[in-house]
Amino acid sequence: MTRMLASVTGPQEAEIALAGGSDIIDVTDPAAGPWGSVNAAAVRATVQAVGGRRPVSAVAGDLPMQASHLKAAVRALAATGVETVKLSISSGGNIAACIDALA
């Protein structure tokens, strides 16, 4: 099965993506790089605009591998109502502790 994921920066772009048939709405800021994040208020507004019509994911950003920092960032995004929070796992720091903290 092929599904379309549309990257959007907020509610207005989400509406365009929905009208175009997107299956998944992914809130990210491509101008900030491949893991560019959007602030939690914009993510929350996008989740509300989509209103359950499609799953919404969001990028937590390219964060340092510090367990407490990652956990706080993921919790903040999860509180917006997204179904999936995406983040990059990079070298450096204690990756195992980061994964354990997120579990």
PDB file of N, CA and C in Angstrom:
ATOM      1  N   MET A   1       0.847  -1.161   0.000  1.00  0.00           N
ATOM      2  CA  MET A   1       0.000   0.000   0.000  1.00  0.00           C
ATOM      3  C   MET A   1       0.899   1.233   0.000  1.00  0.00           C
ATOM      4  N   THR A   2       0.599   2.169  -0.853  1.00  0.00           N
ATOM      5  CA  THR A   2       1.315   3.433  -0.910  1.00  0.00           C
ATOM      6  C   THR A   2       0.452   4.515  -0.291  1.00  0.00           C
ATOM      7  N   ARG A   3       1.061   5.307   0.579  1.00  0.00           N
ATOM      8  CA  ARG A   3       0.344   6.415   1.213  1.00  0.00           C
ATOM      9  C   ARG A   3       1.158   7.686   1.023  1.00  0.00           C
ATOM     10  N   MET A   4       0.486   8.806   1.023  1.00  0.00           N
ATOM     11  CA  MET A   4       1.159  10.089   0.837  1.00  0.00           C
ATOM     12  C   MET A   4       1.298  10.816   2.168  1.00  0.00           C
ATOM     13  N   LEU A   5       2.526  11.213   2.497  1.00  0.00           N
ATOM     14  CA  LEU A   5       2.808  12.030   3.663  1.00  0.00           C
ATOM     15  C   LEU A   5       3.143  13.421   3.151  1.00  0.00           C
ATOM     16  N   ALA A   6       2.449  14.413   3.650  1.00  0.00           N
ATOM     17  CA  ALA A   6       2.721  15.795   3.255  1.00  0.00           C
ATOM     18  C   ALA A   6       3.343  16.532   4.429  1.00  0.00           C
ATOM     19  N   SER A   7       4.495  17.143   4.190  1.00  0.00           N
ATOM     20  CA  SER A   7       5.131  17.969   5.212  1.00  0.00           C
ATOM     21  C   SER A   7       4.538  19.367   5.147  1.00  0.00           C
ATOM     22  N   VAL A   8       4.089  19.856   6.297  1.00  0.00           N
ATOM     23  CA  VAL A   8       3.460  21.175   6.376  1.00  0.00           C
ATOM     24  C   VAL A   8       4.071  21.945   7.542  1.00  0.00           C
ATOM     25  N   THR A   9       3.928  23.275   7.496  1.00  0.00           N
ATOM     26  CA  THR A   9       4.456  24.093   8.579  1.00  0.00           C
ATOM     27  C   THR A   9       3.360  24.626   9.509  1.00  0.00           C
ATOM     28  N   GLY A  10       2.101  24.374   9.175  1.00  0.00           N
ATOM     29  CA  GLY A  10       1.017  24.864  10.012  1.00  0.00           C
ATOM     30  C   GLY A  10      -0.342  24.521   9.450  1.00  0.00           C
ATOM     31  N   PRO A  11      -1.396  25.051  10.064  1.00  0.00           N
ATOM     32  CA  PRO A  11      -2.770  24.703   9.705  1.00  0.00           C
ATOM     33  C   PRO A  11      -3.142  25.021   8.259  1.00  0.00           C
ATOM     34  N   GLN A  12      -2.705  26.148   7.736  1.00  0.00           N
ATOM     35  CA  GLN A  12      -3.085  26.510   6.366  1.00  0.00           C
ATOM     36  C   GLN A  12      -2.522  25.510   5.359  1.00  0.00           C
ATOM     37  N   GLU A  13      -1.263  25.154   5.523  1.00  0.00           N
ATOM     38  CA  GLU A  13      -0.680  24.164   4.618  1.00  0.00           C
ATOM     39  C   GLU A  13      -1.315  22.794   4.829  1.00  0.00           C
ATOM     40  N   ALA A  14      -1.709  22.483   6.056  1.00  0.00           N
ATOM     41  CA  ALA A  14      -2.377  21.205   6.320  1.00  0.00           C
ATOM     42  C   ALA A  14      -3.689  21.113   5.550  1.00  0.00           C
ATOM     43  N   GLU A  15      -4.440  22.203   5.506  1.00  0.00           N
ATOM     44  CA  GLU A  15      -5.699  22.206   4.753  1.00  0.00           C
ATOM     45  C   GLU A  15      -5.447  21.959   3.264  1.00  0.00           C
ATOM     46  N   ILE A  16      -4.393  22.550   2.735  1.00  0.00           N
ATOM     47  CA  ILE A  16      -4.035  22.333   1.327  1.00  0.00           C
ATOM     48  C   ILE A  16      -3.676  20.861   1.113  1.00  0.00           C
ATOM     49  N   ALA A  17      -2.888  20.297   2.028  1.00  0.00           N
ATOM     50  CA  ALA A  17      -2.488  18.895   1.912  1.00  0.00           C
ATOM     51  C   ALA A  17      -3.692  17.963   1.993  1.00  0.00           C
ATOM     52  N   LEU A  18      -4.620  18.258   2.881  1.00  0.00           N
ATOM     53  CA  LEU A  18      -5.828  17.444   2.996  1.00  0.00           C
ATOM     54  C   LEU A  18      -6.654  17.512   1.712  1.00  0.00           C
ATOM     55  N   ALA A  19      -6.804  18.704   1.184  1.00  0.00           N
ATOM     56  CA  ALA A  19      -7.562  18.870  -0.061  1.00  0.00           C
ATOM     57  C   ALA A  19      -6.902  18.123  -1.205  1.00  0.00           C
ATOM     58  N   GLY A  20      -5.581  17.990  -1.134  1.00  0.00           N
ATOM     59  CA  GLY A  20      -4.845  17.276  -2.175  1.00  0.00           C
ATOM     60  C   GLY A  20      -4.802  15.768  -1.984  1.00  0.00           C
ATOM     61  N   GLY A  21      -5.388  15.278  -0.894  1.00  0.00           N
ATOM     62  CA  GLY A  21      -5.477  13.834  -0.684  1.00  0.00           C
ATOM     63  C   GLY A  21      -4.396  13.226   0.177  1.00  0.00           C
ATOM     64  N   SER A  22      -3.679  14.036   0.916  1.00  0.00           N
ATOM     65  CA  SER A  22      -2.628  13.488   1.779  1.00  0.00           C
ATOM     66  C   SER A  22      -3.208  12.523   2.804  1.00  0.00           C
ATOM     67  N   ASP A  23      -2.478  11.434   3.036  1.00  0.00           N
ATOM     68  CA  ASP A  23      -2.897  10.429   4.011  1.00  0.00           C
ATOM     69  C   ASP A  23      -2.357  10.713   5.406  1.00  0.00           C
ATOM     70  N   ILE A  24      -1.217  11.389   5.476  1.00  0.00           N
ATOM     71  CA  ILE A  24      -0.569  11.708   6.747  1.00  0.00           C
ATOM     72  C   ILE A  24      -0.100  13.156   6.672  1.00  0.00           C
ATOM     73  N   ILE A  25      -0.357  13.898   7.730  1.00  0.00           N
ATOM     74  CA  ILE A  25       0.103  15.280   7.819  1.00  0.00           C
ATOM     75  C   ILE A  25       1.302  15.291   8.764  1.00  0.00           C
ATOM     76  N   ASP A  26       2.437  15.757   8.271  1.00  0.00           N
ATOM     77  CA  ASP A  26       3.671  15.782   9.043  1.00  0.00           C
ATOM     78  C   ASP A  26       4.103  17.229   9.245  1.00  0.00           C
ATOM     79  N   VAL A  27       4.095  17.692  10.481  1.00  0.00           N
ATOM     80  CA  VAL A  27       4.430  19.084  10.774  1.00  0.00           C
ATOM     81  C   VAL A  27       5.944  19.196  10.949  1.00  0.00           C
ATOM     82  N   THR A  28       6.569  19.931  10.043  1.00  0.00           N
ATOM     83  CA  THR A  28       8.014  20.118  10.049  1.00  0.00           C
ATOM     84  C   THR A  28       8.353  21.411   9.336  1.00  0.00           C
ATOM     85  N   ASP A  29       9.543  21.888   9.552  1.00  0.00           N
ATOM     86  CA  ASP A  29       9.994  23.105   8.882  1.00  0.00           C
ATOM     87  C   ASP A  29      11.199  22.769   8.008  1.00  0.00           C
ATOM     88  N   PRO A  30      10.965  22.440   6.751  1.00  0.00           N
ATOM     89  CA  PRO A  30      12.075  22.044   5.879  1.00  0.00           C
ATOM     90  C   PRO A  30      13.100  23.161   5.676  1.00  0.00           C
ATOM     91  N   ALA A  31      12.714  24.406   5.884  1.00  0.00           N
ATOM     92  CA  ALA A  31      13.670  25.511   5.763  1.00  0.00           C
ATOM     93  C   ALA A  31      14.730  25.441   6.869  1.00  0.00           C
ATOM     94  N   ALA A  32      14.419  24.737   7.957  1.00  0.00           N
ATOM     95  CA  ALA A  32      15.350  24.588   9.073  1.00  0.00           C
ATOM     96  C   ALA A  32      16.164  23.297   8.971  1.00  0.00           C
ATOM     97  N   GLY A  33      16.119  22.627   7.826  1.00  0.00           N
ATOM     98  CA  GLY A  33      16.872  21.387   7.621  1.00  0.00           C
ATOM     99  C   GLY A  33      15.976  20.173   7.657  1.00  0.00           C
ATOM    100  N   PRO A  34      16.551  19.006   7.424  1.00  0.00           N
ATOM    101  CA  PRO A  34      15.744  17.781   7.335  1.00  0.00           C
ATOM    102  C   PRO A  34      15.020  17.417   8.623  1.00  0.00           C
ATOM    103  N   TRP A  35      15.500  17.884   9.753  1.00  0.00           N
ATOM    104  CA  TRP A  35      14.847  17.619  11.035  1.00  0.00           C
ATOM    105  C   TRP A  35      14.352  18.915  11.665  1.00  0.00           C
ATOM    106  N   GLY A  36      14.017  19.887  10.829  1.00  0.00           N
ATOM    107  CA  GLY A  36      13.556  21.190  11.322  1.00  0.00           C
ATOM    108  C   GLY A  36      12.223  21.082  12.023  1.00  0.00           C
ATOM    109  N   SER A  37      12.171  21.579  13.230  1.00  0.00           N
ATOM    110  CA  SER A  37      10.930  21.487  14.004  1.00  0.00           C
ATOM    111  C   SER A  37      10.143  22.793  13.951  1.00  0.00           C
ATOM    112  N   VAL A  38       8.869  22.671  14.245  1.00  0.00           N
ATOM    113  CA  VAL A  38       7.937  23.794  14.320  1.00  0.00           C
ATOM    114  C   VAL A  38       7.546  23.924  15.791  1.00  0.00           C
ATOM    115  N   ASN A  39       7.295  25.135  16.263  1.00  0.00           N
ATOM    116  CA  ASN A  39       6.975  25.303  17.689  1.00  0.00           C
ATOM    117  C   ASN A  39       5.674  24.578  18.050  1.00  0.00           C
ATOM    118  N   ALA A  40       5.574  24.235  19.335  1.00  0.00           N
ATOM    119  CA  ALA A  40       4.449  23.429  19.821  1.00  0.00           C
ATOM    120  C   ALA A  40       3.101  24.094  19.562  1.00  0.00           C
ATOM    121  N   ALA A  41       3.024  25.409  19.638  1.00  0.00           N
ATOM    122  CA  ALA A  41       1.742  26.092  19.395  1.00  0.00           C
ATOM    123  C   ALA A  41       1.272  25.875  17.957  1.00  0.00           C
ATOM    124  N   ALA A  42       2.185  25.929  17.004  1.00  0.00           N
ATOM    125  CA  ALA A  42       1.820  25.694  15.599  1.00  0.00           C
ATOM    126  C   ALA A  42       1.435  24.237  15.375  1.00  0.00           C
ATOM    127  N   VAL A  43       2.115  23.327  16.050  1.00  0.00           N
ATOM    128  CA  VAL A  43       1.770  21.908  15.929  1.00  0.00           C
ATOM    129  C   VAL A  43       0.369  21.681  16.496  1.00  0.00           C
ATOM    130  N   ARG A  44       0.089  22.238  17.673  1.00  0.00           N
ATOM    131  CA  ARG A  44      -1.235  22.089  18.301  1.00  0.00           C
ATOM    132  C   ARG A  44      -2.328  22.656  17.389  1.00  0.00           C
ATOM    133  N   ALA A  45      -2.076  23.823  16.807  1.00  0.00           N
ATOM    134  CA  ALA A  45      -3.050  24.439  15.902  1.00  0.00           C
ATOM    135  C   ALA A  45      -3.283  23.565  14.674  1.00  0.00           C
ATOM    136  N   THR A  46      -2.234  22.925  14.203  1.00  0.00           N
ATOM    137  CA  THR A  46      -2.366  22.038  13.038  1.00  0.00           C
ATOM    138  C   THR A  46      -3.178  20.803  13.396  1.00  0.00           C
ATOM    139  N   VAL A  47      -2.902  20.219  14.547  1.00  0.00           N
ATOM    140  CA  VAL A  47      -3.678  19.054  15.012  1.00  0.00           C
ATOM    141  C   VAL A  47      -5.154  19.421  15.110  1.00  0.00           C
ATOM    142  N   GLN A  48      -5.446  20.593  15.660  1.00  0.00           N
ATOM    143  CA  GLN A  48      -6.836  21.033  15.790  1.00  0.00           C
ATOM    144  C   GLN A  48      -7.471  21.260  14.425  1.00  0.00           C
ATOM    145  N   ALA A  49      -6.734  21.843  13.490  1.00  0.00           N
ATOM    146  CA  ALA A  49      -7.273  22.097  12.149  1.00  0.00           C
ATOM    147  C   ALA A  49      -7.558  20.789  11.411  1.00  0.00           C
ATOM    148  N   VAL A  50      -6.689  19.805  11.578  1.00  0.00           N
ATOM    149  CA  VAL A  50      -6.896  18.509  10.918  1.00  0.00           C
ATOM    150  C   VAL A  50      -8.089  17.798  11.548  1.00  0.00           C
ATOM    151  N   GLY A  51      -8.279  17.986  12.830  1.00  0.00           N
ATOM    152  CA  GLY A  51      -9.477  17.481  13.502  1.00  0.00           C
ATOM    153  C   GLY A  51      -9.719  15.994  13.378  1.00  0.00           C
ATOM    154  N   GLY A  52      -8.653  15.198  13.374  1.00  0.00           N
ATOM    155  CA  GLY A  52      -8.816  13.753  13.312  1.00  0.00           C
ATOM    156  C   GLY A  52      -9.076  13.188  11.927  1.00  0.00           C
ATOM    157  N   ARG A  53      -9.104  14.030  10.918  1.00  0.00           N
ATOM    158  CA  ARG A  53      -9.356  13.526   9.562  1.00  0.00           C
ATOM    159  C   ARG A  53      -8.212  12.671   9.038  1.00  0.00           C
ATOM    160  N   ARG A  54      -7.022  12.919   9.513  1.00  0.00           N
ATOM    161  CA  ARG A  54      -5.834  12.156   9.129  1.00  0.00           C
ATOM    162  C   ARG A  54      -4.887  12.109  10.327  1.00  0.00           C
ATOM    163  N   PRO A  55      -3.989  11.131  10.354  1.00  0.00           N
ATOM    164  CA  PRO A  55      -2.969  11.130  11.405  1.00  0.00           C
ATOM    165  C   PRO A  55      -2.029  12.326  11.220  1.00  0.00           C
ATOM    166  N   VAL A  56      -1.566  12.866  12.343  1.00  0.00           N
ATOM    167  CA  VAL A  56      -0.626  13.984  12.312  1.00  0.00           C
ATOM    168  C   VAL A  56       0.633  13.571  13.070  1.00  0.00           C
ATOM    169  N   SER A  57       1.780  13.803  12.435  1.00  0.00           N
ATOM    170  CA  SER A  57       3.071  13.589  13.090  1.00  0.00           C
ATOM    171  C   SER A  57       3.802  14.916  13.138  1.00  0.00           C
ATOM    172  N   ALA A  58       4.843  14.967  13.964  1.00  0.00           N
ATOM    173  CA  ALA A  58       5.644  16.188  14.053  1.00  0.00           C
ATOM    174  C   ALA A  58       7.087  15.809  14.348  1.00  0.00           C
ATOM    175  N   VAL A  59       7.983  16.665  13.906  1.00  0.00           N
ATOM    176  CA  VAL A  59       9.414  16.463  14.097  1.00  0.00           C
ATOM    177  C   VAL A  59       9.859  17.196  15.362  1.00  0.00           C
ATOM    178  N   ALA A  60      10.560  16.483  16.241  1.00  0.00           N
ATOM    179  CA  ALA A  60      11.066  17.097  17.466  1.00  0.00           C
ATOM    180  C   ALA A  60      12.328  17.909  17.197  1.00  0.00           C
ATOM    181  N   GLY A  61      12.974  17.654  16.096  1.00  0.00           N
ATOM    182  CA  GLY A  61      14.171  18.413  15.746  1.00  0.00           C
ATOM    183  C   GLY A  61      15.423  17.568  15.820  1.00  0.00           C
ATOM    184  N   ASP A  62      16.517  18.183  15.452  1.00  0.00           N
ATOM    185  CA  ASP A  62      17.829  17.549  15.516  1.00  0.00           C
ATOM    186  C   ASP A  62      18.434  17.940  16.855  1.00  0.00           C
ATOM    187  N   LEU A  63      18.151  17.151  17.850  1.00  0.00           N
ATOM    188  CA  LEU A  63      18.470  17.504  19.235  1.00  0.00           C
ATOM    189  C   LEU A  63      19.739  16.802  19.709  1.00  0.00           C
ATOM    190  N   PRO A  64      20.412  17.392  20.688  1.00  0.00           N
ATOM    191  CA  PRO A  64      21.579  16.720  21.266  1.00  0.00           C
ATOM    192  C   PRO A  64      21.146  15.456  21.999  1.00  0.00           C
ATOM    193  N   MET A  65      22.006  14.469  22.002  1.00  0.00           N
ATOM    194  CA  MET A  65      21.692  13.192  22.638  1.00  0.00           C
ATOM    195  C   MET A  65      21.877  13.284  24.148  1.00  0.00           C
ATOM    196  N   GLN A  66      20.965  14.029  24.780  1.00  0.00           N
ATOM    197  CA  GLN A  66      20.911  14.161  26.232  1.00  0.00           C
ATOM    198  C   GLN A  66      19.526  13.700  26.653  1.00  0.00           C
ATOM    199  N   ALA A  67      19.478  12.659  27.459  1.00  0.00           N
ATOM    200  CA  ALA A  67      18.212  12.004  27.791  1.00  0.00           C
ATOM    201  C   ALA A  67      17.150  12.972  28.303  1.00  0.00           C
ATOM    202  N   SER A  68      17.486  13.822  29.250  1.00  0.00           N
ATOM    203  CA  SER A  68      16.473  14.713  29.821  1.00  0.00           C
ATOM    204  C   SER A  68      15.975  15.715  28.783  1.00  0.00           C
ATOM    205  N   HIS A  69      16.848  16.182  27.922  1.00  0.00           N
ATOM    206  CA  HIS A  69      16.471  17.138  26.885  1.00  0.00           C
ATOM    207  C   HIS A  69      15.536  16.489  25.860  1.00  0.00           C
ATOM    208  N   LEU A  70      15.883  15.288  25.412  1.00  0.00           N
ATOM    209  CA  LEU A  70      15.035  14.571  24.453  1.00  0.00           C
ATOM    210  C   LEU A  70      13.667  14.270  25.046  1.00  0.00           C
ATOM    211  N   LYS A  71      13.661  13.791  26.281  1.00  0.00           N
ATOM    212  CA  LYS A  71      12.404  13.432  26.926  1.00  0.00           C
ATOM    213  C   LYS A  71      11.483  14.650  27.036  1.00  0.00           C
ATOM    214  N   ALA A  72      12.024  15.796  27.412  1.00  0.00           N
ATOM    215  CA  ALA A  72      11.222  17.015  27.533  1.00  0.00           C
ATOM    216  C   ALA A  72      10.678  17.453  26.180  1.00  0.00           C
ATOM    217  N   ALA A  73      11.500  17.385  25.144  1.00  0.00           N
ATOM    218  CA  ALA A  73      11.070  17.794  23.803  1.00  0.00           C
ATOM    219  C   ALA A  73       9.970  16.875  23.277  1.00  0.00           C
ATOM    220  N   VAL A  74      10.132  15.585  23.471  1.00  0.00           N
ATOM    221  CA  VAL A  74       9.128  14.626  22.990  1.00  0.00           C
ATOM    222  C   VAL A  74       7.825  14.777  23.773  1.00  0.00           C
ATOM    223  N   ARG A  75       7.913  14.975  25.075  1.00  0.00           N
ATOM    224  CA  ARG A  75       6.693  15.176  25.876  1.00  0.00           C
ATOM    225  C   ARG A  75       5.944  16.438  25.450  1.00  0.00           C
ATOM    226  N   ALA A  76       6.684  17.499  25.179  1.00  0.00           N
ATOM    227  CA  ALA A  76       6.047  18.751  24.760  1.00  0.00           C
ATOM    228  C   ALA A  76       5.298  18.563  23.447  1.00  0.00           C
ATOM    229  N   LEU A  77       5.894  17.843  22.510  1.00  0.00           N
ATOM    230  CA  LEU A  77       5.206  17.603  21.236  1.00  0.00           C
ATOM    231  C   LEU A  77       4.045  16.634  21.413  1.00  0.00           C
ATOM    232  N   ALA A  78       4.230  15.604  22.202  1.00  0.00           N
ATOM    233  CA  ALA A  78       3.146  14.640  22.426  1.00  0.00           C
ATOM    234  C   ALA A  78       1.929  15.327  23.036  1.00  0.00           C
ATOM    235  N   ALA A  79       2.156  16.327  23.861  1.00  0.00           N
ATOM    236  CA  ALA A  79       1.053  17.058  24.504  1.00  0.00           C
ATOM    237  C   ALA A  79       0.222  17.864  23.509  1.00  0.00           C
ATOM    238  N   THR A  80       0.712  18.054  22.292  1.00  0.00           N
ATOM    239  CA  THR A  80      -0.038  18.795  21.277  1.00  0.00           C
ATOM    240  C   THR A  80      -1.134  17.950  20.646  1.00  0.00           C
ATOM    241  N   GLY A  81      -1.070  16.632  20.846  1.00  0.00           N
ATOM    242  CA  GLY A  81      -2.074  15.750  20.276  1.00  0.00           C
ATOM    243  C   GLY A  81      -1.632  14.991  19.037  1.00  0.00           C
ATOM    244  N   VAL A  82      -0.375  15.150  18.621  1.00  0.00           N
ATOM    245  CA  VAL A  82       0.098  14.398  17.458  1.00  0.00           C
ATOM    246  C   VAL A  82       0.088  12.914  17.774  1.00  0.00           C
ATOM    247  N   GLU A  83      -0.033  12.112  16.728  1.00  0.00           N
ATOM    248  CA  GLU A  83      -0.012  10.665  16.917  1.00  0.00           C
ATOM    249  C   GLU A  83       1.401  10.108  16.939  1.00  0.00           C
ATOM    250  N   THR A  84       2.313  10.791  16.254  1.00  0.00           N
ATOM    251  CA  THR A  84       3.691  10.324  16.152  1.00  0.00           C
ATOM    252  C   THR A  84       4.636  11.498  16.313  1.00  0.00           C
ATOM    253  N   VAL A  85       5.668  11.299  17.121  1.00  0.00           N
ATOM    254  CA  VAL A  85       6.741  12.278  17.265  1.00  0.00           C
ATOM    255  C   VAL A  85       7.991  11.662  16.647  1.00  0.00           C
ATOM    256  N   LYS A  86       8.602  12.412  15.725  1.00  0.00           N
ATOM    257  CA  LYS A  86       9.809  11.920  15.059  1.00  0.00           C
ATOM    258  C   LYS A  86      11.014  12.692  15.585  1.00  0.00           C
ATOM    259  N   LEU A  87      12.150  11.980  15.718  1.00  0.00           N
ATOM    260  CA  LEU A  87      13.380  12.648  16.091  1.00  0.00           C
ATOM    261  C   LEU A  87      14.548  11.898  15.501  1.00  0.00           C
ATOM    262  N   SER A  88      15.641  12.598  15.386  1.00  0.00           N
ATOM    263  CA  SER A  88      16.837  11.978  14.846  1.00  0.00           C
ATOM    264  C   SER A  88      17.685  11.477  16.005  1.00  0.00           C
ATOM    265  N   ILE A  89      18.287  10.330  15.812  1.00  0.00           N
ATOM    266  CA  ILE A  89      19.226   9.804  16.797  1.00  0.00           C
ATOM    267  C   ILE A  89      20.595   9.912  16.158  1.00  0.00           C
ATOM    268  N   SER A  90      21.427  10.738  16.760  1.00  0.00           N
ATOM    269  CA  SER A  90      22.739  11.000  16.188  1.00  0.00           C
ATOM    270  C   SER A  90      23.831  10.483  17.107  1.00  0.00           C
ATOM    271  N   SER A  91      25.033  10.468  16.586  1.00  0.00           N
ATOM    272  CA  SER A  91      26.168  10.007  17.387  1.00  0.00           C
ATOM    273  C   SER A  91      26.482  11.044  18.465  1.00  0.00           C
ATOM    274  N   GLY A  92      27.123  10.596  19.478  1.00  0.00           N
ATOM    275  CA  GLY A  92      27.472  11.475  20.582  1.00  0.00           C
ATOM    276  C   GLY A  92      26.489  11.316  21.713  1.00  0.00           C
ATOM    277  N   GLY A  93      26.935  11.581  22.907  1.00  0.00           N
ATOM    278  CA  GLY A  93      26.065  11.430  24.061  1.00  0.00           C
ATOM    279  C   GLY A  93      25.828   9.960  24.374  1.00  0.00           C
ATOM    280  N   ASN A  94      24.953   9.706  25.306  1.00  0.00           N
ATOM    281  CA  ASN A  94      24.633   8.346  25.717  1.00  0.00           C
ATOM    282  C   ASN A  94      23.335   7.930  25.027  1.00  0.00           C
ATOM    283  N   ILE A  95      23.466   7.339  23.856  1.00  0.00           N
ATOM    284  CA  ILE A  95      22.302   6.967  23.040  1.00  0.00           C
ATOM    285  C   ILE A  95      21.421   5.965  23.785  1.00  0.00           C
ATOM    286  N   ALA A  96      22.031   4.986  24.453  1.00  0.00           N
ATOM    287  CA  ALA A  96      21.238   3.987  25.180  1.00  0.00           C
ATOM    288  C   ALA A  96      20.392   4.650  26.259  1.00  0.00           C
ATOM    289  N   ALA A  97      20.952   5.611  26.984  1.00  0.00           N
ATOM    290  CA  ALA A  97      20.199   6.312  28.032  1.00  0.00           C
ATOM    291  C   ALA A  97      19.070   7.118  27.402  1.00  0.00           C
ATOM    292  N   CYS A  98      19.303   7.678  26.234  1.00  0.00           N
ATOM    293  CA  CYS A  98      18.256   8.452  25.548  1.00  0.00           C
ATOM    294  C   CYS A  98      17.093   7.551  25.168  1.00  0.00           C
ATOM    295  N   ILE A  99      17.406   6.418  24.607  1.00  0.00           N
ATOM    296  CA  ILE A  99      16.360   5.474  24.203  1.00  0.00           C
ATOM    297  C   ILE A  99      15.606   4.962  25.427  1.00  0.00           C
ATOM    298  N   ASP A 100      16.318   4.672  26.496  1.00  0.00           N
ATOM    299  CA  ASP A 100      15.670   4.232  27.731  1.00  0.00           C
ATOM    300  C   ASP A 100      14.744   5.318  28.273  1.00  0.00           C
ATOM    301  N   ALA A 101      15.176   6.561  28.243  1.00  0.00           N
ATOM    302  CA  ALA A 101      14.356   7.679  28.750  1.00  0.00           C
ATOM    303  C   ALA A 101      13.084   7.843  27.929  1.00  0.00           C
ATOM    304  N   LEU A 102      13.178   7.596  26.638  1.00  0.00           N
ATOM    305  CA  LEU A 102      12.015   7.754  25.768  1.00  0.00           C
ATOM    306  C   LEU A 102      11.051   6.578  25.847  1.00  0.00           C
ATOM    307  N   ALA A 103      11.559   5.434  26.293  1.00  0.00           N
ATOM    308  CA  ALA A 103      10.713   4.238  26.396  1.00  0.00           C
ATOM    309  C   ALA A 103       9.639   4.477  27.435  1.00  0.00           C
TER     310      ALA A 103
END
